[in-house]
Amino acid sequence: MNEQLRPASLAPTTQAAEGLPRRRWSVAEIEEMVAKGIISEDERFELIGGEVVPMSPKGARHELVKIALNRFFQRAAPEHLEIAQETTLRLDQDTFVEPDFCVFRRGLDLKALDGGAVLLAVEVADTSLAYDTGRKSRIYAAYGVQEVWVINANTLVTRAHRQVSPNGYGHTENEDYGQRLQPELAPELAVSLADLGLAPIV
């Protein structure tokens, strides 16, 4: 993973260690700590380049948008596609993320689910909007995720990231909630947020 993709700092609770060496964690070590109860299964965080990055609590608006999308995706998904909600996406031995939705081909062994196998990742963002449209999208690109949508939970504007390359996405655009979003590799999941009964809040 490129060094520029690694977070510059951890959560506020680690600020006292700024400038000091840190121990990098692996995905296997984190999973073992969860299995042994050292880390709660309910604790929300991602592992980026061996560093634990806490995730903000989800607000009611975030959940409203996610529920509407999940209802649509489960109805619209064709037989050859799987839509996983909040699955752990292991990108390498020291990086995992948890997209709100992850689209991949049905029948794939989940142990083989990596960035290159993801046809579409969807993030619903409120307080995490800058992180999701910036650093996290660059991480997705570095690991070959084909397409990423970051939906602003409040305005319902979607930042669509397409044309993946190791250096980022070659094409990004903002799409209004009334526009039809169509995944390039999963066109059956094309959707307009307005058609889901959602409306922006100011």
N, C-alpha and C. Protein backbone atom coordinates (compact mmCIF):
# COMPACT_ATOMS: atom_id res chain seq x y z
N MET A 1 0.85 -1.20 0.00
CA MET A 1 0.00 0.00 0.00
C MET A 1 0.88 1.25 0.00
N ASN A 2 0.55 2.24 -0.83
CA ASN A 2 1.35 3.45 -0.90
C ASN A 2 1.35 4.19 0.42
N GLU A 3 2.51 4.75 0.80
CA GLU A 3 2.63 5.45 2.07
C GLU A 3 1.69 6.63 2.18
N GLN A 4 1.41 7.30 1.04
CA GLN A 4 0.53 8.47 1.11
C GLN A 4 -0.90 8.11 1.46
N LEU A 5 -1.25 6.82 1.38
CA LEU A 5 -2.59 6.41 1.71
C LEU A 5 -2.75 6.14 3.18
N ARG A 6 -1.64 6.09 3.95
CA ARG A 6 -1.74 5.76 5.35
C ARG A 6 -2.17 6.99 6.14
N PRO A 7 -3.05 6.81 7.14
CA PRO A 7 -3.50 7.95 7.92
C PRO A 7 -2.35 8.63 8.63
N ALA A 8 -2.43 9.95 8.75
CA ALA A 8 -1.37 10.69 9.43
C ALA A 8 -1.46 10.53 10.94
N SER A 9 -2.64 10.22 11.45
CA SER A 9 -2.79 10.09 12.90
C SER A 9 -3.90 9.12 13.21
N LEU A 10 -3.95 8.68 14.48
CA LEU A 10 -4.99 7.79 14.92
C LEU A 10 -6.09 8.59 15.60
N ALA A 11 -6.90 7.91 16.39
CA ALA A 11 -7.98 8.58 17.11
C ALA A 11 -7.39 9.52 18.15
N PRO A 12 -8.18 10.47 18.67
CA PRO A 12 -7.69 11.42 19.67
C PRO A 12 -7.05 10.75 20.87
N THR A 13 -7.47 9.55 21.22
CA THR A 13 -6.91 8.89 22.40
C THR A 13 -5.45 8.50 22.22
N THR A 14 -4.93 8.56 21.00
CA THR A 14 -3.53 8.19 20.79
C THR A 14 -2.63 9.40 20.55
N GLN A 15 -3.15 10.60 20.67
CA GLN A 15 -2.36 11.77 20.32
C GLN A 15 -1.12 11.94 21.20
N ALA A 16 -1.16 11.40 22.41
CA ALA A 16 0.00 11.53 23.29
C ALA A 16 1.19 10.78 22.73
N ALA A 17 0.97 9.86 21.79
CA ALA A 17 2.06 9.08 21.23
C ALA A 17 2.59 9.67 19.93
N GLU A 18 2.15 10.87 19.57
CA GLU A 18 2.61 11.47 18.33
C GLU A 18 4.13 11.57 18.33
N GLY A 19 4.74 11.15 17.22
CA GLY A 19 6.18 11.22 17.09
C GLY A 19 6.91 10.02 17.63
N LEU A 20 6.20 9.12 18.31
CA LEU A 20 6.82 7.92 18.86
C LEU A 20 6.53 6.73 17.94
N PRO A 21 7.40 5.71 17.98
CA PRO A 21 7.14 4.52 17.15
C PRO A 21 5.82 3.86 17.55
N ARG A 22 5.16 3.28 16.60
CA ARG A 22 3.91 2.60 16.85
C ARG A 22 4.00 1.17 16.36
N ARG A 23 3.20 0.32 16.98
CA ARG A 23 3.14 -1.06 16.54
C ARG A 23 2.06 -1.21 15.49
N ARG A 24 2.40 -1.82 14.37
CA ARG A 24 1.41 -2.07 13.33
C ARG A 24 0.68 -3.36 13.66
N TRP A 25 -0.64 -3.35 13.42
CA TRP A 25 -1.46 -4.53 13.63
C TRP A 25 -1.78 -5.17 12.29
N SER A 26 -1.98 -6.46 12.31
CA SER A 26 -2.42 -7.16 11.11
C SER A 26 -3.90 -7.49 11.23
N VAL A 27 -4.53 -7.79 10.09
CA VAL A 27 -5.93 -8.18 10.10
C VAL A 27 -6.11 -9.42 10.96
N ALA A 28 -5.20 -10.39 10.85
CA ALA A 28 -5.31 -11.63 11.62
C ALA A 28 -5.24 -11.35 13.12
N GLU A 29 -4.38 -10.43 13.53
CA GLU A 29 -4.27 -10.12 14.96
C GLU A 29 -5.53 -9.45 15.48
N ILE A 30 -6.08 -8.54 14.71
CA ILE A 30 -7.31 -7.87 15.12
C ILE A 30 -8.45 -8.88 15.23
N GLU A 31 -8.57 -9.77 14.24
CA GLU A 31 -9.63 -10.77 14.27
C GLU A 31 -9.47 -11.71 15.46
N GLU A 32 -8.23 -12.03 15.82
CA GLU A 32 -8.00 -12.89 16.98
C GLU A 32 -8.41 -12.19 18.27
N MET A 33 -8.13 -10.88 18.37
CA MET A 33 -8.52 -10.13 19.55
C MET A 33 -10.04 -10.02 19.68
N VAL A 34 -10.72 -9.90 18.54
CA VAL A 34 -12.19 -9.88 18.57
C VAL A 34 -12.70 -11.24 19.01
N ALA A 35 -12.12 -12.32 18.47
CA ALA A 35 -12.56 -13.67 18.81
C ALA A 35 -12.38 -13.97 20.30
N LYS A 36 -11.34 -13.39 20.91
CA LYS A 36 -11.06 -13.65 22.32
C LYS A 36 -11.75 -12.65 23.24
N GLY A 37 -12.51 -11.72 22.67
CA GLY A 37 -13.24 -10.76 23.49
C GLY A 37 -12.42 -9.58 23.97
N ILE A 38 -11.19 -9.45 23.49
CA ILE A 38 -10.36 -8.31 23.87
C ILE A 38 -10.91 -7.03 23.24
N ILE A 39 -11.38 -7.16 22.02
CA ILE A 39 -12.07 -6.07 21.33
C ILE A 39 -13.51 -6.50 21.13
N SER A 40 -14.46 -5.63 21.46
CA SER A 40 -15.87 -5.97 21.32
C SER A 40 -16.25 -6.11 19.84
N GLU A 41 -17.12 -7.07 19.54
CA GLU A 41 -17.61 -7.24 18.18
C GLU A 41 -18.40 -6.03 17.71
N ASP A 42 -18.93 -5.26 18.64
CA ASP A 42 -19.75 -4.09 18.30
C ASP A 42 -18.93 -2.83 18.07
N GLU A 43 -17.65 -2.90 18.37
CA GLU A 43 -16.81 -1.70 18.21
C GLU A 43 -16.58 -1.44 16.73
N ARG A 44 -16.79 -0.20 16.32
CA ARG A 44 -16.72 0.14 14.91
C ARG A 44 -15.41 0.82 14.57
N PHE A 45 -14.62 0.16 13.74
CA PHE A 45 -13.35 0.74 13.31
C PHE A 45 -12.92 0.05 12.03
N GLU A 46 -11.95 0.66 11.35
CA GLU A 46 -11.32 0.05 10.20
C GLU A 46 -9.82 -0.03 10.46
N LEU A 47 -9.13 -0.88 9.73
CA LEU A 47 -7.69 -1.03 9.87
C LEU A 47 -7.06 -0.57 8.57
N ILE A 48 -6.31 0.53 8.65
CA ILE A 48 -5.71 1.13 7.45
C ILE A 48 -4.20 1.10 7.59
N GLY A 49 -3.56 0.26 6.80
CA GLY A 49 -2.10 0.18 6.86
C GLY A 49 -1.59 -0.18 8.23
N GLY A 50 -2.33 -1.02 8.95
CA GLY A 50 -1.90 -1.46 10.28
C GLY A 50 -2.31 -0.56 11.41
N GLU A 51 -2.98 0.55 11.12
CA GLU A 51 -3.42 1.48 12.16
C GLU A 51 -4.93 1.44 12.29
N VAL A 52 -5.41 1.39 13.54
CA VAL A 52 -6.84 1.32 13.81
C VAL A 52 -7.44 2.72 13.69
N VAL A 53 -8.47 2.83 12.86
CA VAL A 53 -9.15 4.11 12.62
C VAL A 53 -10.59 3.98 13.11
N PRO A 54 -10.94 4.59 14.25
CA PRO A 54 -12.32 4.51 14.75
C PRO A 54 -13.29 5.15 13.76
N MET A 55 -14.49 4.59 13.69
CA MET A 55 -15.53 5.11 12.81
C MET A 55 -16.56 5.86 13.65
N SER A 56 -17.09 6.94 13.10
CA SER A 56 -18.07 7.75 13.81
C SER A 56 -19.36 6.98 14.01
N PRO A 57 -20.09 7.23 15.11
CA PRO A 57 -21.40 6.60 15.29
C PRO A 57 -22.34 6.99 14.15
N LYS A 58 -23.23 6.08 13.79
CA LYS A 58 -24.15 6.33 12.70
C LYS A 58 -25.35 7.12 13.19
N GLY A 59 -25.70 8.16 12.45
CA GLY A 59 -26.86 8.96 12.79
C GLY A 59 -28.13 8.38 12.18
N ALA A 60 -29.28 8.91 12.60
CA ALA A 60 -30.57 8.43 12.11
C ALA A 60 -30.70 8.64 10.60
N ARG A 61 -30.17 9.74 10.11
CA ARG A 61 -30.28 10.03 8.67
C ARG A 61 -29.48 8.99 7.86
N HIS A 62 -28.30 8.67 8.33
CA HIS A 62 -27.47 7.65 7.70
C HIS A 62 -28.25 6.34 7.59
N GLU A 63 -28.89 5.94 8.68
CA GLU A 63 -29.61 4.68 8.70
C GLU A 63 -30.83 4.72 7.78
N LEU A 64 -31.51 5.85 7.71
CA LEU A 64 -32.68 5.99 6.83
C LEU A 64 -32.29 5.75 5.38
N VAL A 65 -31.21 6.38 4.94
CA VAL A 65 -30.76 6.22 3.55
C VAL A 65 -30.32 4.79 3.30
N LYS A 66 -29.61 4.22 4.25
CA LYS A 66 -29.10 2.85 4.08
C LYS A 66 -30.25 1.84 4.01
N ILE A 67 -31.26 2.00 4.84
CA ILE A 67 -32.41 1.09 4.82
C ILE A 67 -33.12 1.15 3.47
N ALA A 68 -33.33 2.37 2.95
CA ALA A 68 -34.00 2.51 1.65
C ALA A 68 -33.19 1.86 0.53
N LEU A 69 -31.88 2.05 0.56
CA LEU A 69 -31.02 1.45 -0.46
C LEU A 69 -31.02 -0.07 -0.35
N ASN A 70 -30.94 -0.56 0.87
CA ASN A 70 -30.90 -2.01 1.06
C ASN A 70 -32.19 -2.66 0.55
N ARG A 71 -33.33 -2.04 0.83
CA ARG A 71 -34.60 -2.58 0.35
C ARG A 71 -34.60 -2.66 -1.17
N PHE A 72 -34.11 -1.59 -1.82
CA PHE A 72 -34.06 -1.58 -3.29
C PHE A 72 -33.09 -2.62 -3.82
N PHE A 73 -31.86 -2.64 -3.28
CA PHE A 73 -30.84 -3.56 -3.79
C PHE A 73 -31.29 -5.02 -3.70
N GLN A 74 -31.91 -5.38 -2.59
CA GLN A 74 -32.31 -6.78 -2.42
C GLN A 74 -33.42 -7.16 -3.40
N ARG A 75 -34.27 -6.21 -3.75
CA ARG A 75 -35.32 -6.48 -4.74
C ARG A 75 -34.75 -6.53 -6.15
N ALA A 76 -33.81 -5.65 -6.46
CA ALA A 76 -33.33 -5.48 -7.83
C ALA A 76 -32.20 -6.42 -8.21
N ALA A 77 -31.52 -6.99 -7.25
CA ALA A 77 -30.32 -7.78 -7.55
C ALA A 77 -30.65 -9.00 -8.41
N PRO A 78 -29.97 -9.16 -9.53
CA PRO A 78 -30.16 -10.37 -10.35
C PRO A 78 -29.47 -11.57 -9.69
N GLU A 79 -29.73 -12.75 -10.24
CA GLU A 79 -29.23 -13.97 -9.62
C GLU A 79 -27.71 -14.03 -9.56
N HIS A 80 -27.03 -13.36 -10.48
CA HIS A 80 -25.57 -13.51 -10.53
C HIS A 80 -24.83 -12.51 -9.64
N LEU A 81 -25.57 -11.64 -8.93
CA LEU A 81 -24.92 -10.65 -8.08
C LEU A 81 -25.28 -10.84 -6.62
N GLU A 82 -24.32 -10.55 -5.76
CA GLU A 82 -24.53 -10.57 -4.31
C GLU A 82 -24.34 -9.15 -3.79
N ILE A 83 -25.19 -8.73 -2.88
CA ILE A 83 -25.05 -7.42 -2.24
C ILE A 83 -24.90 -7.66 -0.74
N ALA A 84 -23.72 -7.37 -0.22
CA ALA A 84 -23.45 -7.56 1.20
C ALA A 84 -23.50 -6.21 1.89
N GLN A 85 -24.16 -6.17 3.04
CA GLN A 85 -24.26 -4.93 3.80
C GLN A 85 -23.28 -4.96 4.96
N GLU A 86 -22.46 -3.93 5.05
CA GLU A 86 -21.49 -3.77 6.13
C GLU A 86 -20.62 -5.01 6.30
N THR A 87 -20.15 -5.56 5.19
CA THR A 87 -19.24 -6.68 5.27
C THR A 87 -17.81 -6.18 5.48
N THR A 88 -16.98 -7.00 6.08
CA THR A 88 -15.57 -6.65 6.25
C THR A 88 -14.84 -6.99 4.96
N LEU A 89 -14.30 -5.98 4.32
CA LEU A 89 -13.57 -6.15 3.07
C LEU A 89 -12.07 -6.13 3.38
N ARG A 90 -11.44 -7.31 3.33
CA ARG A 90 -10.02 -7.43 3.65
C ARG A 90 -9.21 -7.14 2.40
N LEU A 91 -8.46 -6.05 2.43
CA LEU A 91 -7.73 -5.61 1.25
C LEU A 91 -6.32 -6.15 1.20
N ASP A 92 -5.68 -6.29 2.33
CA ASP A 92 -4.41 -6.99 2.42
C ASP A 92 -4.20 -7.39 3.87
N GLN A 93 -3.00 -7.81 4.22
CA GLN A 93 -2.77 -8.37 5.56
C GLN A 93 -2.88 -7.34 6.67
N ASP A 94 -2.81 -6.05 6.35
CA ASP A 94 -2.93 -5.05 7.42
C ASP A 94 -3.94 -3.95 7.11
N THR A 95 -4.91 -4.26 6.23
CA THR A 95 -5.93 -3.27 5.89
C THR A 95 -7.28 -3.95 5.67
N PHE A 96 -8.29 -3.47 6.39
CA PHE A 96 -9.66 -3.85 6.07
C PHE A 96 -10.56 -2.63 6.25
N VAL A 97 -11.63 -2.58 5.46
CA VAL A 97 -12.61 -1.51 5.54
C VAL A 97 -14.00 -2.15 5.59
N GLU A 98 -15.01 -1.35 5.92
CA GLU A 98 -16.37 -1.87 6.00
C GLU A 98 -17.32 -0.95 5.24
N PRO A 99 -17.43 -1.14 3.92
CA PRO A 99 -18.37 -0.32 3.15
C PRO A 99 -19.80 -0.61 3.57
N ASP A 100 -20.68 0.37 3.40
CA ASP A 100 -22.09 0.14 3.72
C ASP A 100 -22.69 -0.94 2.82
N PHE A 101 -22.28 -0.94 1.54
CA PHE A 101 -22.71 -1.99 0.62
C PHE A 101 -21.53 -2.40 -0.26
N CYS A 102 -21.50 -3.68 -0.56
CA CYS A 102 -20.43 -4.23 -1.38
C CYS A 102 -21.07 -5.18 -2.39
N VAL A 103 -20.87 -4.92 -3.68
CA VAL A 103 -21.48 -5.72 -4.73
C VAL A 103 -20.41 -6.58 -5.40
N PHE A 104 -20.68 -7.88 -5.51
CA PHE A 104 -19.73 -8.79 -6.14
C PHE A 104 -20.50 -9.96 -6.75
N ARG A 105 -19.80 -10.80 -7.48
CA ARG A 105 -20.46 -11.89 -8.18
C ARG A 105 -20.84 -13.01 -7.22
N ARG A 106 -22.07 -13.49 -7.35
CA ARG A 106 -22.56 -14.57 -6.49
C ARG A 106 -21.73 -15.83 -6.72
N GLY A 107 -21.51 -16.57 -5.64
CA GLY A 107 -20.73 -17.80 -5.72
C GLY A 107 -19.29 -17.60 -5.35
N LEU A 108 -18.86 -16.35 -5.20
CA LEU A 108 -17.49 -16.08 -4.82
C LEU A 108 -17.27 -16.49 -3.36
N ASP A 109 -16.21 -17.23 -3.10
CA ASP A 109 -15.84 -17.57 -1.73
C ASP A 109 -15.49 -16.27 -1.02
N LEU A 110 -16.13 -15.99 0.12
CA LEU A 110 -15.89 -14.73 0.82
C LEU A 110 -14.43 -14.57 1.23
N LYS A 111 -13.70 -15.67 1.38
CA LYS A 111 -12.27 -15.57 1.69
C LYS A 111 -11.50 -14.97 0.52
N ALA A 112 -12.10 -15.05 -0.68
CA ALA A 112 -11.46 -14.51 -1.87
C ALA A 112 -11.96 -13.11 -2.21
N LEU A 113 -12.83 -12.56 -1.36
CA LEU A 113 -13.38 -11.22 -1.64
C LEU A 113 -12.32 -10.18 -1.30
N ASP A 114 -11.76 -9.60 -2.34
CA ASP A 114 -10.79 -8.53 -2.17
C ASP A 114 -11.19 -7.36 -3.04
N GLY A 115 -10.34 -6.34 -3.11
CA GLY A 115 -10.70 -5.14 -3.86
C GLY A 115 -11.04 -5.40 -5.30
N GLY A 116 -10.25 -6.24 -5.97
CA GLY A 116 -10.47 -6.50 -7.39
C GLY A 116 -11.76 -7.22 -7.69
N ALA A 117 -12.33 -7.90 -6.69
CA ALA A 117 -13.58 -8.63 -6.89
C ALA A 117 -14.81 -7.76 -6.69
N VAL A 118 -14.61 -6.56 -6.17
CA VAL A 118 -15.75 -5.68 -5.85
C VAL A 118 -16.14 -4.87 -7.08
N LEU A 119 -17.38 -5.07 -7.52
CA LEU A 119 -17.89 -4.34 -8.68
C LEU A 119 -18.35 -2.94 -8.30
N LEU A 120 -18.85 -2.79 -7.08
CA LEU A 120 -19.33 -1.50 -6.61
C LEU A 120 -19.27 -1.49 -5.08
N ALA A 121 -18.71 -0.44 -4.52
CA ALA A 121 -18.77 -0.19 -3.08
C ALA A 121 -19.56 1.09 -2.86
N VAL A 122 -20.46 1.07 -1.88
CA VAL A 122 -21.29 2.23 -1.59
C VAL A 122 -21.07 2.65 -0.15
N GLU A 123 -20.79 3.92 0.03
CA GLU A 123 -20.65 4.52 1.36
C GLU A 123 -21.74 5.57 1.53
N VAL A 124 -22.48 5.49 2.63
CA VAL A 124 -23.43 6.54 3.01
C VAL A 124 -22.75 7.36 4.09
N ALA A 125 -22.57 8.65 3.84
CA ALA A 125 -21.71 9.45 4.72
C ALA A 125 -22.42 10.69 5.23
N ASP A 126 -22.18 11.00 6.49
CA ASP A 126 -22.58 12.29 7.03
C ASP A 126 -21.34 12.95 7.63
N THR A 127 -20.98 12.60 8.87
CA THR A 127 -19.79 13.20 9.47
C THR A 127 -18.50 12.71 8.81
N SER A 128 -18.54 11.57 8.12
CA SER A 128 -17.34 11.00 7.50
C SER A 128 -17.19 11.38 6.03
N LEU A 129 -17.96 12.36 5.57
CA LEU A 129 -17.99 12.67 4.14
C LEU A 129 -16.61 13.00 3.57
N ALA A 130 -15.85 13.85 4.22
CA ALA A 130 -14.54 14.24 3.69
C ALA A 130 -13.60 13.04 3.62
N TYR A 131 -13.63 12.19 4.64
CA TYR A 131 -12.79 11.00 4.66
C TYR A 131 -13.20 10.03 3.55
N ASP A 132 -14.51 9.81 3.39
CA ASP A 132 -14.99 8.83 2.41
C ASP A 132 -14.73 9.29 0.98
N THR A 133 -14.87 10.58 0.70
CA THR A 133 -14.64 11.07 -0.67
C THR A 133 -13.16 11.29 -0.96
N GLY A 134 -12.35 11.35 0.08
CA GLY A 134 -10.93 11.60 -0.09
C GLY A 134 -10.08 10.37 0.13
N ARG A 135 -9.53 10.24 1.33
CA ARG A 135 -8.57 9.17 1.62
C ARG A 135 -9.15 7.78 1.38
N LYS A 136 -10.38 7.55 1.83
CA LYS A 136 -10.93 6.20 1.70
C LYS A 136 -11.16 5.83 0.24
N SER A 137 -11.59 6.78 -0.57
CA SER A 137 -11.76 6.48 -1.99
C SER A 137 -10.43 6.18 -2.66
N ARG A 138 -9.36 6.85 -2.22
CA ARG A 138 -8.03 6.55 -2.77
C ARG A 138 -7.58 5.15 -2.36
N ILE A 139 -7.94 4.75 -1.15
CA ILE A 139 -7.62 3.39 -0.71
C ILE A 139 -8.36 2.37 -1.57
N TYR A 140 -9.65 2.61 -1.80
CA TYR A 140 -10.42 1.71 -2.66
C TYR A 140 -9.75 1.59 -4.04
N ALA A 141 -9.34 2.71 -4.61
CA ALA A 141 -8.72 2.69 -5.93
C ALA A 141 -7.41 1.91 -5.90
N ALA A 142 -6.60 2.11 -4.87
CA ALA A 142 -5.31 1.44 -4.78
C ALA A 142 -5.45 -0.07 -4.77
N TYR A 143 -6.58 -0.56 -4.29
CA TYR A 143 -6.80 -2.01 -4.22
C TYR A 143 -7.75 -2.51 -5.31
N GLY A 144 -8.05 -1.68 -6.29
CA GLY A 144 -8.75 -2.15 -7.47
C GLY A 144 -10.26 -2.24 -7.41
N VAL A 145 -10.90 -1.59 -6.43
CA VAL A 145 -12.37 -1.57 -6.39
C VAL A 145 -12.86 -0.81 -7.61
N GLN A 146 -13.71 -1.44 -8.42
CA GLN A 146 -14.03 -0.91 -9.74
C GLN A 146 -14.78 0.42 -9.71
N GLU A 147 -15.69 0.58 -8.76
CA GLU A 147 -16.51 1.79 -8.72
C GLU A 147 -16.93 2.05 -7.28
N VAL A 148 -16.96 3.31 -6.90
CA VAL A 148 -17.34 3.69 -5.53
C VAL A 148 -18.35 4.82 -5.61
N TRP A 149 -19.44 4.67 -4.85
CA TRP A 149 -20.39 5.77 -4.66
C TRP A 149 -20.28 6.24 -3.21
N VAL A 150 -20.17 7.54 -3.02
CA VAL A 150 -20.25 8.12 -1.68
C VAL A 150 -21.47 9.03 -1.67
N ILE A 151 -22.47 8.61 -0.90
CA ILE A 151 -23.74 9.34 -0.86
C ILE A 151 -23.78 10.23 0.37
N ASN A 152 -23.94 11.53 0.15
CA ASN A 152 -24.11 12.47 1.26
C ASN A 152 -25.50 12.23 1.86
N ALA A 153 -25.54 11.76 3.10
CA ALA A 153 -26.81 11.37 3.72
C ALA A 153 -27.77 12.54 3.84
N ASN A 154 -27.26 13.76 3.89
CA ASN A 154 -28.13 14.92 4.07
C ASN A 154 -28.61 15.51 2.74
N THR A 155 -27.67 15.80 1.84
CA THR A 155 -28.05 16.42 0.56
C THR A 155 -28.47 15.39 -0.48
N LEU A 156 -28.08 14.13 -0.28
CA LEU A 156 -28.31 13.03 -1.22
C LEU A 156 -27.56 13.21 -2.53
N VAL A 157 -26.58 14.09 -2.56
CA VAL A 157 -25.68 14.18 -3.70
C VAL A 157 -24.70 13.01 -3.60
N THR A 158 -24.52 12.31 -4.72
CA THR A 158 -23.62 11.16 -4.75
C THR A 158 -22.37 11.51 -5.53
N ARG A 159 -21.21 11.28 -4.91
CA ARG A 159 -19.94 11.41 -5.63
C ARG A 159 -19.61 10.02 -6.19
N ALA A 160 -19.69 9.89 -7.51
CA ALA A 160 -19.42 8.62 -8.17
C ALA A 160 -17.97 8.59 -8.66
N HIS A 161 -17.25 7.56 -8.26
CA HIS A 161 -15.85 7.38 -8.64
C HIS A 161 -15.76 6.20 -9.61
N ARG A 162 -15.25 6.45 -10.80
CA ARG A 162 -15.16 5.41 -11.82
C ARG A 162 -13.80 5.46 -12.52
N GLN A 163 -13.53 4.48 -13.38
CA GLN A 163 -12.27 4.36 -14.13
C GLN A 163 -11.10 4.22 -13.17
N VAL A 164 -11.10 3.08 -12.47
CA VAL A 164 -10.11 2.85 -11.43
C VAL A 164 -8.70 2.67 -12.00
N SER A 165 -7.72 3.17 -11.25
CA SER A 165 -6.31 2.96 -11.54
C SER A 165 -5.57 2.96 -10.22
N PRO A 166 -4.33 2.46 -10.17
CA PRO A 166 -3.58 2.46 -8.92
C PRO A 166 -3.38 3.87 -8.34
N ASN A 167 -3.51 4.89 -9.17
CA ASN A 167 -3.29 6.27 -8.73
C ASN A 167 -4.59 6.99 -8.38
N GLY A 168 -5.71 6.29 -8.41
CA GLY A 168 -6.98 6.93 -8.09
C GLY A 168 -7.99 6.65 -9.18
N TYR A 169 -9.12 7.32 -9.09
CA TYR A 169 -10.18 7.15 -10.10
C TYR A 169 -10.05 8.22 -11.17
N GLY A 170 -10.10 7.77 -12.42
CA GLY A 170 -9.92 8.69 -13.53
C GLY A 170 -11.10 9.61 -13.76
N HIS A 171 -12.27 9.20 -13.26
CA HIS A 171 -13.46 10.02 -13.48
C HIS A 171 -14.29 10.07 -12.20
N THR A 172 -14.55 11.27 -11.72
CA THR A 172 -15.44 11.45 -10.57
C THR A 172 -16.44 12.55 -10.93
N GLU A 173 -17.68 12.36 -10.48
CA GLU A 173 -18.68 13.39 -10.72
C GLU A 173 -19.72 13.35 -9.61
N ASN A 174 -20.32 14.52 -9.35
CA ASN A 174 -21.40 14.61 -8.37
C ASN A 174 -22.73 14.46 -9.10
N GLU A 175 -23.58 13.59 -8.58
CA GLU A 175 -24.88 13.36 -9.20
C GLU A 175 -25.97 13.69 -8.20
N ASP A 176 -26.94 14.49 -8.64
CA ASP A 176 -28.04 14.92 -7.78
C ASP A 176 -28.94 13.74 -7.43
N TYR A 177 -29.71 13.89 -6.36
CA TYR A 177 -30.54 12.78 -5.90
C TYR A 177 -31.60 12.36 -6.89
N GLY A 178 -31.95 13.24 -7.81
CA GLY A 178 -32.94 12.89 -8.82
C GLY A 178 -32.36 12.21 -10.04
N GLN A 179 -31.04 12.21 -10.17
CA GLN A 179 -30.40 11.58 -11.32
C GLN A 179 -30.35 10.06 -11.13
N ARG A 180 -30.28 9.36 -12.23
CA ARG A 180 -30.23 7.90 -12.19
C ARG A 180 -28.77 7.46 -12.09
N LEU A 181 -28.46 6.76 -11.03
CA LEU A 181 -27.12 6.22 -10.83
C LEU A 181 -27.06 4.83 -11.43
N GLN A 182 -26.09 4.59 -12.29
CA GLN A 182 -26.00 3.26 -12.91
C GLN A 182 -24.58 2.71 -12.77
N PRO A 183 -24.42 1.63 -12.02
CA PRO A 183 -23.09 1.01 -11.90
C PRO A 183 -22.65 0.44 -13.24
N GLU A 184 -21.41 0.69 -13.60
CA GLU A 184 -20.94 0.25 -14.91
C GLU A 184 -20.93 -1.27 -15.04
N LEU A 185 -20.60 -1.98 -13.95
CA LEU A 185 -20.50 -3.44 -14.02
C LEU A 185 -21.70 -4.15 -13.39
N ALA A 186 -22.67 -3.38 -12.93
CA ALA A 186 -23.90 -3.96 -12.38
C ALA A 186 -25.07 -3.07 -12.76
N PRO A 187 -25.34 -2.93 -14.06
CA PRO A 187 -26.38 -1.98 -14.53
C PRO A 187 -27.77 -2.31 -14.00
N GLU A 188 -27.99 -3.56 -13.57
CA GLU A 188 -29.30 -3.93 -13.04
C GLU A 188 -29.63 -3.18 -11.75
N LEU A 189 -28.62 -2.61 -11.11
CA LEU A 189 -28.82 -1.91 -9.84
C LEU A 189 -28.96 -0.41 -10.02
N ALA A 190 -29.21 0.04 -11.24
CA ALA A 190 -29.40 1.47 -11.49
C ALA A 190 -30.55 2.00 -10.64
N VAL A 191 -30.33 3.18 -10.04
CA VAL A 191 -31.32 3.69 -9.10
C VAL A 191 -31.27 5.21 -9.04
N SER A 192 -32.43 5.79 -8.80
CA SER A 192 -32.53 7.21 -8.46
C SER A 192 -32.95 7.29 -7.00
N LEU A 193 -32.22 8.03 -6.20
CA LEU A 193 -32.56 8.14 -4.78
C LEU A 193 -33.93 8.76 -4.59
N ALA A 194 -34.32 9.65 -5.50
CA ALA A 194 -35.65 10.25 -5.40
C ALA A 194 -36.74 9.19 -5.55
N ASP A 195 -36.49 8.17 -6.38
CA ASP A 195 -37.49 7.13 -6.59
C ASP A 195 -37.65 6.23 -5.36
N LEU A 196 -36.70 6.32 -4.43
CA LEU A 196 -36.79 5.53 -3.20
C LEU A 196 -37.58 6.26 -2.12
N GLY A 197 -38.11 7.44 -2.48
CA GLY A 197 -38.88 8.20 -1.50
C GLY A 197 -38.00 9.06 -0.60
N LEU A 198 -36.73 9.19 -0.95
CA LEU A 198 -35.82 10.00 -0.15
C LEU A 198 -35.82 11.44 -0.66
N ALA A 199 -35.61 12.36 0.23
CA ALA A 199 -35.52 13.77 -0.14
C ALA A 199 -34.40 14.41 0.67
N PRO A 200 -33.69 15.36 0.07
CA PRO A 200 -32.59 16.00 0.80
C PRO A 200 -33.08 16.87 1.93
N ILE A 201 -32.22 17.05 2.92
CA ILE A 201 -32.49 18.02 3.98
C ILE A 201 -31.41 19.08 3.91
N VAL A 202 -31.75 20.27 4.26
CA VAL A 202 -30.82 21.38 4.15
C VAL A 202 -30.27 21.71 5.52
